[in-house]
PDB file of all heavy atoms in Angstrom:
ATOM      1  N   VAL A   1     -12.657  23.851  -0.752  1.00  0.00           N
ATOM      2  CA  VAL A   1     -12.511  25.193  -1.308  1.00  0.00           C
ATOM      3  C   VAL A   1     -13.747  25.558  -2.090  1.00  0.00           C
ATOM      4  O   VAL A   1     -14.282  24.811  -2.942  1.00  0.00           O
ATOM      5  CB  VAL A   1     -11.280  25.324  -2.208  1.00  0.00           C
ATOM      6  CG1 VAL A   1     -11.211  26.649  -2.849  1.00  0.00           C
ATOM      7  CG2 VAL A   1     -10.024  25.001  -1.416  1.00  0.00           C
ATOM      8  N   GLY A   2     -14.365  26.713  -1.762  1.00  0.00           N
ATOM      9  CA  GLY A   2     -15.513  27.178  -2.486  1.00  0.00           C
ATOM     10  C   GLY A   2     -16.802  27.042  -1.703  1.00  0.00           C
ATOM     11  O   GLY A   2     -17.817  27.558  -2.039  1.00  0.00           O
ATOM     12  N   TYR A   3     -16.718  26.231  -0.634  1.00  0.00           N
ATOM     13  CA  TYR A   3     -17.908  26.079   0.185  1.00  0.00           C
ATOM     14  C   TYR A   3     -18.086  27.287   1.096  1.00  0.00           C
ATOM     15  O   TYR A   3     -17.142  27.879   1.619  1.00  0.00           O
ATOM     16  CB  TYR A   3     -17.848  24.810   1.125  1.00  0.00           C
ATOM     17  CG  TYR A   3     -17.979  23.566   0.463  1.00  0.00           C
ATOM     18  CD1 TYR A   3     -16.947  22.859  -0.096  1.00  0.00           C
ATOM     19  CD2 TYR A   3     -19.274  22.952   0.347  1.00  0.00           C
ATOM     20  CE1 TYR A   3     -17.132  21.622  -0.744  1.00  0.00           C
ATOM     21  CE2 TYR A   3     -19.433  21.731  -0.241  1.00  0.00           C
ATOM     22  CZ  TYR A   3     -18.360  21.072  -0.780  1.00  0.00           C
ATOM     23  OH  TYR A   3     -18.575  19.859  -1.386  1.00  0.00           O
ATOM     24  N   ALA A   4     -19.346  27.669   1.319  1.00  0.00           N
ATOM     25  CA  ALA A   4     -19.590  28.741   2.319  1.00  0.00           C
ATOM     26  C   ALA A   4     -19.109  28.310   3.668  1.00  0.00           C
ATOM     27  O   ALA A   4     -19.458  27.215   4.167  1.00  0.00           O
ATOM     28  CB  ALA A   4     -21.144  29.021   2.356  1.00  0.00           C
ATOM     29  N   GLY A   5     -18.276  29.153   4.226  1.00  0.00           N
ATOM     30  CA  GLY A   5     -17.747  28.781   5.583  1.00  0.00           C
ATOM     31  C   GLY A   5     -16.518  27.931   5.548  1.00  0.00           C
ATOM     32  O   GLY A   5     -15.935  27.692   6.588  1.00  0.00           O
ATOM     33  N   ALA A   6     -16.045  27.512   4.414  1.00  0.00           N
ATOM     34  CA  ALA A   6     -14.838  26.683   4.295  1.00  0.00           C
ATOM     35  C   ALA A   6     -13.617  27.586   4.400  1.00  0.00           C
ATOM     36  O   ALA A   6     -13.565  28.789   4.100  1.00  0.00           O
ATOM     37  CB  ALA A   6     -14.790  25.920   2.986  1.00  0.00           C
ATOM     38  N   ASP A   7     -12.529  26.982   4.883  1.00  0.00           N
ATOM     39  CA  ASP A   7     -11.267  27.708   5.028  1.00  0.00           C
ATOM     40  C   ASP A   7     -10.582  27.778   3.672  1.00  0.00           C
ATOM     41  O   ASP A   7     -10.154  26.753   3.118  1.00  0.00           O
ATOM     42  CB  ASP A   7     -10.380  27.001   5.995  1.00  0.00           C
ATOM     43  CG  ASP A   7      -8.997  27.676   6.194  1.00  0.00           C
ATOM     44  OD1 ASP A   7      -8.815  28.696   5.560  1.00  0.00           O
ATOM     45  OD2 ASP A   7      -8.222  27.113   6.944  1.00  0.00           O
ATOM     46  N   PRO A   8     -10.488  29.033   3.076  1.00  0.00           N
ATOM     47  CA  PRO A   8      -9.906  29.104   1.718  1.00  0.00           C
ATOM     48  C   PRO A   8      -8.367  28.813   1.715  1.00  0.00           C
ATOM     49  O   PRO A   8      -7.823  28.545   0.613  1.00  0.00           O
ATOM     50  CB  PRO A   8     -10.100  30.620   1.348  1.00  0.00           C
ATOM     51  CG  PRO A   8     -10.261  31.260   2.689  1.00  0.00           C
ATOM     52  CD  PRO A   8     -10.898  30.327   3.581  1.00  0.00           C
ATOM     53  N   GLU A   9      -7.782  28.798   2.835  1.00  0.00           N
ATOM     54  CA  GLU A   9      -6.286  28.490   2.915  1.00  0.00           C
ATOM     55  C   GLU A   9      -6.061  26.983   3.064  1.00  0.00           C
ATOM     56  O   GLU A   9      -4.868  26.539   2.886  1.00  0.00           O
ATOM     57  CB  GLU A   9      -5.605  29.245   4.128  1.00  0.00           C
ATOM     58  CG  GLU A   9      -5.838  30.753   4.003  1.00  0.00           C
ATOM     59  CD  GLU A   9      -5.191  31.312   2.764  1.00  0.00           C
ATOM     60  OE1 GLU A   9      -4.119  30.805   2.359  1.00  0.00           O
ATOM     61  OE2 GLU A   9      -5.819  32.235   2.153  1.00  0.00           O
ATOM     62  N   ARG A  10      -7.134  26.154   3.323  1.00  0.00           N
ATOM     63  CA  ARG A  10      -6.920  24.788   3.584  1.00  0.00           C
ATOM     64  C   ARG A  10      -6.691  24.077   2.186  1.00  0.00           C
ATOM     65  O   ARG A  10      -7.511  24.131   1.299  1.00  0.00           O
ATOM     66  CB  ARG A  10      -8.055  24.155   4.274  1.00  0.00           C
ATOM     67  CG  ARG A  10      -7.855  22.631   4.562  1.00  0.00           C
ATOM     68  CD  ARG A  10      -9.050  22.021   5.324  1.00  0.00           C
ATOM     69  NE  ARG A  10     -10.202  21.967   4.495  1.00  0.00           N
ATOM     70  CZ  ARG A  10     -10.454  21.016   3.573  1.00  0.00           C
ATOM     71  NH1 ARG A  10      -9.527  20.048   3.381  1.00  0.00           N
ATOM     72  NH2 ARG A  10     -11.588  21.038   2.830  1.00  0.00           N
ATOM     73  N   ALA A  11      -5.556  23.398   2.089  1.00  0.00           N
ATOM     74  CA  ALA A  11      -5.297  22.617   0.856  1.00  0.00           C
ATOM     75  C   ALA A  11      -6.138  21.390   0.862  1.00  0.00           C
ATOM     76  O   ALA A  11      -6.145  20.644   1.901  1.00  0.00           O
ATOM     77  CB  ALA A  11      -3.802  22.270   0.779  1.00  0.00           C
ATOM     78  N   PRO A  12      -6.782  21.074  -0.218  1.00  0.00           N
ATOM     79  CA  PRO A  12      -7.660  19.876  -0.248  1.00  0.00           C
ATOM     80  C   PRO A  12      -6.797  18.614  -0.183  1.00  0.00           C
ATOM     81  O   PRO A  12      -5.662  18.523  -0.695  1.00  0.00           O
ATOM     82  CB  PRO A  12      -8.320  19.988  -1.630  1.00  0.00           C
ATOM     83  CG  PRO A  12      -7.465  20.833  -2.493  1.00  0.00           C
ATOM     84  CD  PRO A  12      -6.864  21.828  -1.485  1.00  0.00           C
ATOM     85  N   GLU A  13      -7.272  17.620   0.563  1.00  0.00           N
ATOM     86  CA  GLU A  13      -6.554  16.355   0.669  1.00  0.00           C
ATOM     87  C   GLU A  13      -6.975  15.415  -0.489  1.00  0.00           C
ATOM     88  O   GLU A  13      -8.088  15.406  -0.886  1.00  0.00           O
ATOM     89  CB  GLU A  13      -6.908  15.711   1.984  1.00  0.00           C
ATOM     90  CG  GLU A  13      -6.506  16.575   3.217  1.00  0.00           C
ATOM     91  CD  GLU A  13      -6.845  15.893   4.499  1.00  0.00           C
ATOM     92  OE1 GLU A  13      -6.743  14.661   4.561  1.00  0.00           O
ATOM     93  OE2 GLU A  13      -7.152  16.554   5.475  1.00  0.00           O
ATOM     94  N   ALA A  14      -5.998  14.677  -0.960  1.00  0.00           N
ATOM     95  CA  ALA A  14      -6.259  13.753  -2.085  1.00  0.00           C
ATOM     96  C   ALA A  14      -7.142  12.640  -1.565  1.00  0.00           C
ATOM     97  O   ALA A  14      -6.948  12.147  -0.413  1.00  0.00           O
ATOM     98  CB  ALA A  14      -4.973  13.192  -2.613  1.00  0.00           C
ATOM     99  N   PRO A  15      -8.085  12.142  -2.370  1.00  0.00           N
ATOM    100  CA  PRO A  15      -8.898  11.018  -1.943  1.00  0.00           C
ATOM    101  C   PRO A  15      -8.002   9.824  -1.649  1.00  0.00           C
ATOM    102  O   PRO A  15      -6.945   9.576  -2.311  1.00  0.00           O
ATOM    103  CB  PRO A  15      -9.775  10.740  -3.203  1.00  0.00           C
ATOM    104  CG  PRO A  15      -9.797  12.087  -3.873  1.00  0.00           C
ATOM    105  CD  PRO A  15      -8.412  12.645  -3.674  1.00  0.00           C
ATOM    106  N   ALA A  16      -8.412   8.960  -0.696  1.00  0.00           N
ATOM    107  CA  ALA A  16      -7.577   7.827  -0.295  1.00  0.00           C
ATOM    108  C   ALA A  16      -7.985   6.627  -1.160  1.00  0.00           C
ATOM    109  O   ALA A  16      -9.146   6.337  -1.349  1.00  0.00           O
ATOM    110  CB  ALA A  16      -7.809   7.570   1.181  1.00  0.00           C
ATOM    111  N   PRO A  17      -7.021   5.873  -1.564  1.00  0.00           N
ATOM    112  CA  PRO A  17      -7.324   4.665  -2.312  1.00  0.00           C
ATOM    113  C   PRO A  17      -7.876   3.606  -1.402  1.00  0.00           C
ATOM    114  O   PRO A  17      -7.397   3.451  -0.265  1.00  0.00           O
ATOM    115  CB  PRO A  17      -5.962   4.230  -2.967  1.00  0.00           C
ATOM    116  CG  PRO A  17      -4.927   4.803  -1.995  1.00  0.00           C
ATOM    117  CD  PRO A  17      -5.556   6.124  -1.499  1.00  0.00           C
ATOM    118  N   VAL A  18      -8.829   2.862  -1.872  1.00  0.00           N
ATOM    119  CA  VAL A  18      -9.465   1.763  -1.070  1.00  0.00           C
ATOM    120  C   VAL A  18      -9.824   0.603  -1.987  1.00  0.00           C
ATOM    121  O   VAL A  18     -10.123   0.850  -3.190  1.00  0.00           O
ATOM    122  CB  VAL A  18     -10.748   2.224  -0.350  1.00  0.00           C
ATOM    123  CG1 VAL A  18     -10.446   3.211   0.726  1.00  0.00           C
ATOM    124  CG2 VAL A  18     -11.779   2.722  -1.297  1.00  0.00           C
ATOM    125  N   PRO A  19      -9.733  -0.647  -1.536  1.00  0.00           N
ATOM    126  CA  PRO A  19     -10.237  -1.733  -2.391  1.00  0.00           C
ATOM    127  C   PRO A  19     -11.775  -1.833  -2.278  1.00  0.00           C
ATOM    128  O   PRO A  19     -12.342  -1.600  -1.184  1.00  0.00           O
ATOM    129  CB  PRO A  19      -9.558  -2.934  -1.766  1.00  0.00           C
ATOM    130  CG  PRO A  19      -9.369  -2.584  -0.304  1.00  0.00           C
ATOM    131  CD  PRO A  19      -9.104  -1.108  -0.305  1.00  0.00           C
ATOM    132  N   LEU A  20     -12.403  -2.095  -3.384  1.00  0.00           N
ATOM    133  CA  LEU A  20     -13.860  -2.245  -3.398  1.00  0.00           C
ATOM    134  C   LEU A  20     -14.181  -3.628  -3.657  1.00  0.00           C
ATOM    135  O   LEU A  20     -13.642  -4.319  -4.586  1.00  0.00           O
ATOM    136  CB  LEU A  20     -14.444  -1.337  -4.493  1.00  0.00           C
ATOM    137  CG  LEU A  20     -14.221   0.167  -4.369  1.00  0.00           C
ATOM    138  CD1 LEU A  20     -14.829   0.906  -5.523  1.00  0.00           C
ATOM    139  CD2 LEU A  20     -14.745   0.726  -3.035  1.00  0.00           C
ATOM    140  N   THR A  21     -15.094  -4.222  -2.933  1.00  0.00           N
ATOM    141  CA  THR A  21     -15.597  -5.594  -3.101  1.00  0.00           C
ATOM    142  C   THR A  21     -17.081  -5.459  -3.540  1.00  0.00           C
ATOM    143  O   THR A  21     -17.884  -4.852  -2.818  1.00  0.00           O
ATOM    144  CB  THR A  21     -15.442  -6.434  -1.898  1.00  0.00           C
ATOM    145  OG1 THR A  21     -14.070  -6.575  -1.561  1.00  0.00           O
ATOM    146  CG2 THR A  21     -16.068  -7.809  -2.092  1.00  0.00           C
ATOM    147  N   LEU A  22     -17.454  -6.103  -4.639  1.00  0.00           N
ATOM    148  CA  LEU A  22     -18.804  -6.090  -5.114  1.00  0.00           C
ATOM    149  C   LEU A  22     -19.425  -7.472  -4.966  1.00  0.00           C
ATOM    150  O   LEU A  22     -18.746  -8.452  -5.272  1.00  0.00           O
ATOM    151  CB  LEU A  22     -18.899  -5.555  -6.582  1.00  0.00           C
ATOM    152  CG  LEU A  22     -18.504  -4.162  -6.848  1.00  0.00           C
ATOM    153  CD1 LEU A  22     -16.977  -4.058  -7.051  1.00  0.00           C
ATOM    154  CD2 LEU A  22     -19.230  -3.623  -8.117  1.00  0.00           C
ATOM    155  N   VAL A  23     -20.693  -7.504  -4.602  1.00  0.00           N
ATOM    156  CA  VAL A  23     -21.449  -8.753  -4.503  1.00  0.00           C
ATOM    157  C   VAL A  23     -22.614  -8.701  -5.490  1.00  0.00           C
ATOM    158  O   VAL A  23     -23.058  -7.611  -5.885  1.00  0.00           O
ATOM    159  CB  VAL A  23     -21.885  -9.034  -3.062  1.00  0.00           C
ATOM    160  CG1 VAL A  23     -20.735  -9.158  -2.164  1.00  0.00           C
ATOM    161  CG2 VAL A  23     -22.920  -7.968  -2.632  1.00  0.00           C
ATOM    162  N   PRO A  24     -23.154  -9.861  -5.845  1.00  0.00           N
ATOM    163  CA  PRO A  24     -24.373  -9.815  -6.730  1.00  0.00           C
ATOM    164  C   PRO A  24     -25.443  -9.036  -6.013  1.00  0.00           C
ATOM    165  O   PRO A  24     -25.753  -9.213  -4.859  1.00  0.00           O
ATOM    166  CB  PRO A  24     -24.768 -11.327  -6.887  1.00  0.00           C
ATOM    167  CG  PRO A  24     -23.458 -12.057  -6.690  1.00  0.00           C
ATOM    168  CD  PRO A  24     -22.670 -11.235  -5.656  1.00  0.00           C
ATOM    169  N   TYR A  25     -26.099  -8.165  -6.819  1.00  0.00           N
ATOM    170  CA  TYR A  25     -27.122  -7.283  -6.272  1.00  0.00           C
ATOM    171  C   TYR A  25     -28.235  -8.085  -5.626  1.00  0.00           C
ATOM    172  O   TYR A  25     -28.848  -7.693  -4.540  1.00  0.00           O
ATOM    173  CB  TYR A  25     -27.674  -6.428  -7.420  1.00  0.00           C
ATOM    174  CG  TYR A  25     -28.961  -5.629  -7.083  1.00  0.00           C
ATOM    175  CD1 TYR A  25     -28.910  -4.626  -6.174  1.00  0.00           C
ATOM    176  CD2 TYR A  25     -30.163  -6.028  -7.715  1.00  0.00           C
ATOM    177  CE1 TYR A  25     -30.132  -3.869  -5.863  1.00  0.00           C
ATOM    178  CE2 TYR A  25     -31.292  -5.316  -7.401  1.00  0.00           C
ATOM    179  CZ  TYR A  25     -31.294  -4.269  -6.454  1.00  0.00           C
ATOM    180  OH  TYR A  25     -32.441  -3.608  -6.165  1.00  0.00           O
ATOM    181  N   TYR A  26     -28.638  -9.221  -6.207  1.00  0.00           N
ATOM    182  CA  TYR A  26     -29.708  -9.989  -5.636  1.00  0.00           C
ATOM    183  C   TYR A  26     -29.454 -10.402  -4.207  1.00  0.00           C
ATOM    184  O   TYR A  26     -30.427 -10.642  -3.454  1.00  0.00           O
ATOM    185  CB  TYR A  26     -30.021 -11.263  -6.436  1.00  0.00           C
ATOM    186  CG  TYR A  26     -29.058 -12.380  -6.241  1.00  0.00           C
ATOM    187  CD1 TYR A  26     -29.160 -13.207  -5.118  1.00  0.00           C
ATOM    188  CD2 TYR A  26     -28.004 -12.650  -7.170  1.00  0.00           C
ATOM    189  CE1 TYR A  26     -28.280 -14.291  -4.892  1.00  0.00           C
ATOM    190  CE2 TYR A  26     -27.111 -13.681  -6.937  1.00  0.00           C
ATOM    191  CZ  TYR A  26     -27.263 -14.515  -5.793  1.00  0.00           C
ATOM    192  OH  TYR A  26     -26.373 -15.485  -5.561  1.00  0.00           O
ATOM    193  N   ALA A  27     -28.174 -10.498  -3.769  1.00  0.00           N
ATOM    194  CA  ALA A  27     -27.828 -11.000  -2.512  1.00  0.00           C
ATOM    195  C   ALA A  27     -27.674 -10.001  -1.404  1.00  0.00           C
ATOM    196  O   ALA A  27     -27.433 -10.314  -0.239  1.00  0.00           O
ATOM    197  CB  ALA A  27     -26.548 -11.814  -2.529  1.00  0.00           C
ATOM    198  N   TRP A  28     -27.833  -8.706  -1.762  1.00  0.00           N
ATOM    199  CA  TRP A  28     -27.675  -7.688  -0.772  1.00  0.00           C
ATOM    200  C   TRP A  28     -28.706  -7.781   0.390  1.00  0.00           C
ATOM    201  O   TRP A  28     -29.854  -8.313   0.113  1.00  0.00           O
ATOM    202  CB  TRP A  28     -27.594  -6.306  -1.368  1.00  0.00           C
ATOM    203  CG  TRP A  28     -28.932  -5.612  -1.602  1.00  0.00           C
ATOM    204  CD1 TRP A  28     -29.861  -5.798  -2.566  1.00  0.00           C
ATOM    205  CD2 TRP A  28     -29.506  -4.547  -0.700  1.00  0.00           C
ATOM    206  NE1 TRP A  28     -30.941  -4.913  -2.372  1.00  0.00           N
ATOM    207  CE2 TRP A  28     -30.699  -4.187  -1.250  1.00  0.00           C
ATOM    208  CE3 TRP A  28     -29.033  -3.869   0.440  1.00  0.00           C
ATOM    209  CZ2 TRP A  28     -31.486  -3.208  -0.703  1.00  0.00           C
ATOM    210  CZ3 TRP A  28     -29.829  -2.925   1.011  1.00  0.00           C
ATOM    211  CH2 TRP A  28     -31.045  -2.554   0.466  1.00  0.00           C
ATOM    212  N   ALA A  29     -28.393  -7.213   1.528  1.00  0.00           N
ATOM    213  CA  ALA A  29     -29.304  -7.149   2.677  1.00  0.00           C
ATOM    214  C   ALA A  29     -29.639  -8.543   3.222  1.00  0.00           C
ATOM    215  O   ALA A  29     -30.611  -8.704   3.936  1.00  0.00           O
ATOM    216  CB  ALA A  29     -30.603  -6.406   2.320  1.00  0.00           C
ATOM    217  N   ASN A  30     -28.781  -9.534   2.949  1.00  0.00           N
ATOM    218  CA  ASN A  30     -28.995 -10.823   3.591  1.00  0.00           C
ATOM    219  C   ASN A  30     -28.072 -10.923   4.910  1.00  0.00           C
ATOM    220  O   ASN A  30     -28.100 -11.969   5.535  1.00  0.00           O
ATOM    221  CB  ASN A  30     -28.641 -11.948   2.649  1.00  0.00           C
ATOM    222  CG  ASN A  30     -29.802 -12.339   1.802  1.00  0.00           C
ATOM    223  OD1 ASN A  30     -30.720 -13.005   2.248  1.00  0.00           O
ATOM    224  ND2 ASN A  30     -29.804 -11.826   0.539  1.00  0.00           N
ATOM    225  N   ARG A  31     -27.345  -9.890   5.176  1.00  0.00           N
ATOM    226  CA  ARG A  31     -26.535  -9.797   6.416  1.00  0.00           C
ATOM    227  C   ARG A  31     -26.970  -8.574   7.232  1.00  0.00           C
ATOM    228  O   ARG A  31     -26.218  -8.018   7.937  1.00  0.00           O
ATOM    229  CB  ARG A  31     -25.052  -9.687   6.014  1.00  0.00           C
ATOM    230  CG  ARG A  31     -24.516 -10.899   5.287  1.00  0.00           C
ATOM    231  CD  ARG A  31     -23.168 -10.678   4.669  1.00  0.00           C
ATOM    232  NE  ARG A  31     -23.263  -9.791   3.505  1.00  0.00           N
ATOM    233  CZ  ARG A  31     -22.216  -9.364   2.832  1.00  0.00           C
ATOM    234  NH1 ARG A  31     -20.965  -9.774   3.172  1.00  0.00           N
ATOM    235  NH2 ARG A  31     -22.353  -8.642   1.721  1.00  0.00           N
ATOM    236  N   GLY A  32     -28.228  -8.218   7.063  1.00  0.00           N
ATOM    237  CA  GLY A  32     -28.708  -6.972   7.675  1.00  0.00           C
ATOM    238  C   GLY A  32     -28.768  -5.871   6.609  1.00  0.00           C
ATOM    239  O   GLY A  32     -27.994  -5.910   5.604  1.00  0.00           O
ATOM    240  N   ALA A  33     -29.634  -4.926   6.800  1.00  0.00           N
ATOM    241  CA  ALA A  33     -29.743  -3.902   5.825  1.00  0.00           C
ATOM    242  C   ALA A  33     -28.711  -2.796   6.044  1.00  0.00           C
ATOM    243  O   ALA A  33     -28.707  -2.104   7.074  1.00  0.00           O
ATOM    244  CB  ALA A  33     -31.198  -3.255   5.887  1.00  0.00           C
ATOM    245  N   GLY A  34     -27.785  -2.717   5.187  1.00  0.00           N
ATOM    246  CA  GLY A  34     -26.700  -1.666   5.211  1.00  0.00           C
ATOM    247  C   GLY A  34     -26.728  -0.852   3.978  1.00  0.00           C
ATOM    248  O   GLY A  34     -27.558  -1.110   3.091  1.00  0.00           O
ATOM    249  N   SER A  35     -25.854   0.084   3.864  1.00  0.00           N
ATOM    250  CA  SER A  35     -25.799   0.917   2.664  1.00  0.00           C
ATOM    251  C   SER A  35     -25.391   0.040   1.447  1.00  0.00           C
ATOM    252  O   SER A  35     -24.636  -0.901   1.586  1.00  0.00           O
ATOM    253  CB  SER A  35     -24.929   2.096   2.819  1.00  0.00           C
ATOM    254  OG  SER A  35     -23.614   1.694   3.182  1.00  0.00           O
TER     255      SER A  35
END
């Protein structure tokens, strides 16, 4: 809602819960460079 071109009648969907797993920052990108 409020975006140019957005449907003003569309009800916003609630964010979906997800589990987050964190790893030590030093170890990132040792399985390939991902986000």
